[in-house]
Protein backbone atom coordinates (compact mmCIF):
# COMPACT_ATOMS: atom_id res chain seq x y z
CA MET A 1 31.82 -28.96 -79.81
CA ARG A 2 31.56 -29.58 -83.39
CA CYS A 3 34.80 -30.65 -85.09
CA VAL A 4 36.60 -27.68 -86.77
CA VAL A 5 39.18 -29.57 -88.27
CA VAL A 6 37.02 -31.95 -90.13
CA VAL A 7 33.95 -30.04 -90.47
CA VAL A 8 31.01 -32.67 -91.20
CA VAL A 9 28.36 -31.02 -93.31
CA ALA A 10 25.32 -29.65 -91.86
CA LEU A 11 22.68 -28.26 -93.95
CA SER A 12 20.47 -25.03 -93.07
CA LEU A 13 18.53 -24.85 -96.02
CA PHE A 14 16.33 -21.45 -96.60
CA ALA A 15 13.22 -21.94 -98.79
CA CYS A 16 9.68 -20.69 -97.97
CA SER A 17 7.34 -23.36 -98.42
CA ALA A 18 9.59 -25.61 -100.34
CA PRO A 19 9.54 -29.33 -100.47
CA PRO A 20 11.90 -31.55 -98.40
CA PRO A 21 15.64 -32.17 -99.79
CA PRO A 22 15.66 -34.78 -102.17
CA GLN A 23 16.71 -38.07 -101.31
CA SER A 24 19.51 -40.26 -102.81
CA SER A 25 19.03 -43.57 -104.24
CA ALA A 26 22.87 -43.84 -104.75
CA ALA A 27 24.96 -44.99 -101.74
CA THR A 28 27.51 -42.60 -103.04
CA GLY A 29 28.30 -39.49 -105.14
CA ARG A 30 30.58 -38.99 -107.99
CA GLY A 31 33.45 -37.41 -106.35
CA VAL A 32 35.69 -34.89 -108.02
CA ILE A 33 33.88 -34.02 -111.29
CA ALA A 34 35.75 -31.08 -112.39
CA PHE A 35 38.94 -29.50 -111.75
CA ASP A 36 41.72 -27.04 -113.36
CA ALA A 37 44.40 -29.09 -114.40
CA GLU A 38 47.05 -26.93 -116.00
CA VAL A 39 49.08 -24.55 -113.83
CA PRO A 40 48.82 -21.05 -115.27
CA THR A 41 52.32 -19.66 -116.50
CA GLY A 42 54.16 -17.96 -113.73
CA ALA A 43 51.61 -19.13 -111.04
CA LYS A 44 52.82 -20.14 -107.27
CA THR A 45 51.83 -23.61 -106.33
CA TRP A 46 51.46 -25.07 -102.97
CA PRO A 47 51.68 -28.85 -102.59
CA ARG A 48 49.52 -31.27 -100.37
CA PRO A 49 50.74 -31.39 -96.69
CA GLU A 50 51.75 -34.35 -94.76
CA TRP A 51 50.38 -34.96 -91.37
CA ASN A 52 51.91 -37.47 -89.01
CA VAL A 53 50.77 -39.12 -86.02
CA GLY A 54 50.80 -36.86 -82.83
CA ASP A 55 50.15 -33.75 -84.73
CA ALA A 56 47.62 -31.44 -82.74
CA PHE A 57 45.55 -28.57 -83.51
CA THR A 58 43.53 -26.16 -80.89
CA MET A 59 40.73 -24.52 -82.48
CA VAL A 60 38.60 -21.86 -80.81
CA ARG A 61 34.95 -21.11 -82.08
CA GLY A 62 33.23 -17.84 -81.49
CA GLU A 63 36.16 -16.66 -79.17
CA HIS A 64 34.96 -19.00 -76.50
CA VAL A 65 34.59 -22.77 -77.23
CA ARG A 66 38.04 -24.62 -77.48
CA GLY A 67 38.68 -28.33 -78.82
CA THR A 68 41.78 -30.02 -79.54
CA PHE A 69 41.94 -32.51 -82.35
CA ARG A 70 44.80 -35.13 -82.60
CA VAL A 71 46.10 -37.31 -85.48
CA LEU A 72 45.68 -40.76 -84.14
CA GLU A 73 46.42 -42.82 -87.22
CA VAL A 74 47.87 -42.43 -90.81
CA THR A 75 46.95 -44.84 -93.39
CA PRO A 76 47.77 -44.76 -97.20
CA GLU A 77 43.97 -43.68 -97.96
CA HIS A 78 43.29 -41.59 -94.75
CA TYR A 79 43.98 -39.70 -91.13
CA ALA A 80 42.15 -40.76 -88.29
CA ILE A 81 41.42 -37.71 -85.86
CA ASP A 82 40.53 -37.69 -82.42
CA THR A 83 37.94 -35.13 -81.51
CA GLY A 84 38.20 -35.44 -77.47
CA ALA A 85 34.45 -36.05 -77.25
CA GLY A 86 34.31 -39.97 -78.45
CA PRO A 87 33.71 -39.86 -82.52
CA VAL A 88 36.94 -40.16 -84.81
CA LEU A 89 36.88 -38.04 -87.69
CA ARG A 90 38.47 -39.20 -90.88
CA ARG A 91 40.21 -37.04 -93.74
CA THR A 92 41.69 -38.29 -96.98
CA ARG A 93 45.29 -38.00 -97.45
CA ASP A 94 44.25 -34.95 -99.55
CA LEU A 95 42.41 -33.62 -96.57
CA GLY A 96 38.78 -34.22 -98.04
CA ASN A 97 36.04 -35.02 -95.57
CA LEU A 98 35.06 -38.62 -95.29
CA GLY A 99 33.07 -38.39 -92.01
CA GLN A 100 32.66 -39.59 -88.51
CA TRP A 101 33.18 -43.00 -87.18
CA SER A 102 32.71 -44.51 -83.52
CA ALA A 103 35.31 -45.44 -81.10
CA ALA A 104 34.50 -48.97 -82.36
CA ASN A 105 35.39 -47.91 -85.70
CA ALA A 106 32.13 -48.29 -87.35
CA PRO A 107 30.54 -45.47 -89.70
CA GLU A 108 28.52 -42.95 -88.12
CA HIS A 109 28.27 -40.31 -90.51
CA LEU A 110 29.56 -40.56 -94.09
CA LEU A 111 30.33 -38.05 -96.92
CA ALA A 112 30.48 -40.67 -99.60
CA PRO A 113 32.83 -40.67 -101.42
CA VAL A 114 34.36 -37.59 -100.00
CA ASP A 115 33.87 -33.97 -99.90
CA ALA A 116 37.05 -32.76 -101.67
CA ARG A 117 38.06 -29.80 -99.80
CA TYR A 118 41.10 -29.45 -101.50
CA HIS A 119 42.58 -30.41 -104.85
CA TRP A 120 46.40 -30.48 -105.26
CA PRO A 121 48.64 -28.49 -105.95
CA LEU A 122 46.73 -25.23 -105.08
CA TRP A 123 47.25 -21.83 -106.75
CA VAL A 124 45.31 -18.61 -106.61
CA GLY A 125 42.38 -18.94 -109.03
CA LYS A 126 42.22 -22.50 -109.13
CA ARG A 127 38.71 -24.15 -108.96
CA TRP A 128 37.36 -27.72 -108.60
CA SER A 129 33.91 -29.49 -107.82
CA CYS A 130 32.72 -32.50 -106.29
CA GLU A 131 29.24 -34.51 -105.87
CA PHE A 132 28.86 -36.71 -102.77
CA VAL A 133 25.82 -38.14 -100.62
CA ASP A 134 25.50 -36.76 -97.19
CA ARG A 135 24.62 -40.01 -95.11
CA GLY A 136 23.73 -39.10 -91.41
CA PRO A 137 22.41 -41.32 -88.86
CA GLY A 138 18.59 -41.67 -88.70
CA ALA A 139 18.20 -39.29 -91.84
CA PRO A 140 17.52 -39.85 -95.43
CA PRO A 141 20.93 -39.60 -97.68
CA VAL A 142 21.09 -36.20 -99.35
CA PRO A 143 23.05 -35.71 -102.85
CA LEU A 144 25.27 -32.69 -102.78
CA ARG A 145 27.57 -30.54 -104.83
CA ALA A 146 30.37 -28.57 -103.58
CA ASP A 147 32.07 -26.09 -105.75
CA TYR A 148 35.54 -24.53 -104.74
CA VAL A 149 37.69 -21.60 -105.55
CA VAL A 150 41.09 -20.38 -104.38
CA GLU A 151 40.29 -16.67 -104.35
CA ASP A 152 43.60 -14.92 -103.12
CA LEU A 153 46.33 -15.30 -101.00
CA ASP A 154 45.89 -13.11 -97.62
CA THR A 155 47.93 -12.31 -94.65
CA ILE A 156 45.84 -13.51 -91.64
CA THR A 157 46.40 -13.05 -88.00
CA VAL A 158 44.64 -15.66 -85.50
CA PRO A 159 45.38 -16.65 -81.89
CA ALA A 160 48.27 -18.76 -82.93
CA GLY A 161 50.14 -15.98 -85.09
CA THR A 162 50.37 -14.20 -88.55
CA PHE A 163 50.46 -16.50 -91.55
CA GLU A 164 49.93 -16.19 -95.46
CA ALA A 165 46.77 -18.02 -96.21
CA LEU A 166 44.98 -19.05 -99.39
CA ARG A 167 41.27 -17.94 -99.03
CA ILE A 168 38.93 -20.69 -100.64
CA VAL A 169 35.46 -20.17 -101.04
CA ARG A 170 33.12 -23.22 -101.10
CA THR A 171 29.62 -23.32 -102.35
CA LEU A 172 27.35 -26.03 -101.36
CA ARG A 173 24.14 -27.01 -103.44
CA LEU A 174 21.58 -29.76 -103.55
CA VAL A 175 21.64 -31.71 -106.59
CA GLY A 176 18.50 -31.95 -108.30
CA ALA A 177 16.88 -28.97 -106.36
CA GLU A 178 19.17 -26.32 -107.04
CA ALA A 179 16.57 -23.88 -108.05
CA ARG A 180 14.21 -24.55 -104.80
CA TYR A 181 16.85 -24.26 -102.30
CA LEU A 182 19.55 -21.43 -101.33
CA PRO A 183 23.21 -22.50 -101.72
CA GLN A 184 25.23 -22.23 -98.88
CA THR A 185 28.74 -20.53 -98.75
CA LYS A 186 31.73 -21.16 -96.51
CA MET A 187 35.26 -19.42 -96.28
CA THR A 188 38.14 -21.23 -95.18
CA TRP A 189 41.79 -19.75 -94.92
CA TYR A 190 44.46 -22.52 -95.46
CA ALA A 191 47.91 -21.83 -94.35
CA PRO A 192 50.54 -23.76 -95.94
CA ALA A 193 53.27 -23.08 -93.29
CA VAL A 194 50.91 -25.26 -90.67
CA GLY A 195 49.26 -27.48 -93.46
CA ILE A 196 45.97 -26.87 -92.07
CA GLU A 197 42.90 -24.33 -91.89
CA ILE A 198 43.67 -21.57 -89.53
CA ARG A 199 40.42 -19.62 -89.92
CA GLN A 200 37.05 -20.53 -91.16
CA LEU A 201 33.79 -18.40 -91.41
CA ASP A 202 31.14 -21.20 -90.63
CA GLY A 203 27.71 -19.38 -90.57
CA ASP A 204 27.64 -16.62 -88.13
CA SER A 205 30.51 -18.25 -86.54
CA LEU A 206 34.32 -17.81 -86.81
CA VAL A 207 36.78 -20.71 -86.09
CA GLU A 208 40.11 -19.84 -85.76
CA LEU A 209 43.82 -21.78 -84.92
CA VAL A 210 44.91 -21.29 -81.43
CA GLU A 211 48.01 -23.69 -81.55
CA ALA A 212 49.54 -26.21 -83.71
CA LYS A 213 51.83 -28.81 -82.29
CA THR A 214 53.43 -30.91 -85.19
CA ALA A 215 55.53 -34.04 -84.81
CA SER A 216 57.78 -32.69 -87.56
CA PRO A 217 58.67 -29.57 -89.04
CA ARG A 218 56.48 -28.60 -91.99
């Protein structure tokens, strides 16, 4: 099962008779390139969550495929997360996606420097953008840009319960070939009460939180 806590980018580009995706000569992208810095007057904000070793999140994809992901390690720079299937996934302390490492601590699939899925604090209407290079095994590096916007605060019911969740829309584009490939759009609902995504609309599949076990209260 593909990890649904730290989803690694998987491109599915649709373009009739278009050339191959551009390859990047750089080993890494520019990281966060733009963000809203000033909180609007009167806006409610949500701070960055803190995970702990032992936190575990069980997700279900398409109502049938389940996976539990456990926090193995917390460092000043990242979280290491056990997928239950061998590879270890890493997220920054800001919950950005870094990629996948082997059990021997060797990088296997990198999003360099990071796919910044969040930029704290969050508020309804906040926007940010980042650029990174997708470096997968046996594939040429691909330069990408992700644009994020917090659209609204929704009340969402998933198998784990009912939560207030921030609806975040992510639009992914190839850098240098924007006009030749259609952008990809993903919707994520982040619940501050549990400090994780409780629902993701990933292509044609819905991923939802079934259970969250945390080492300390949020």
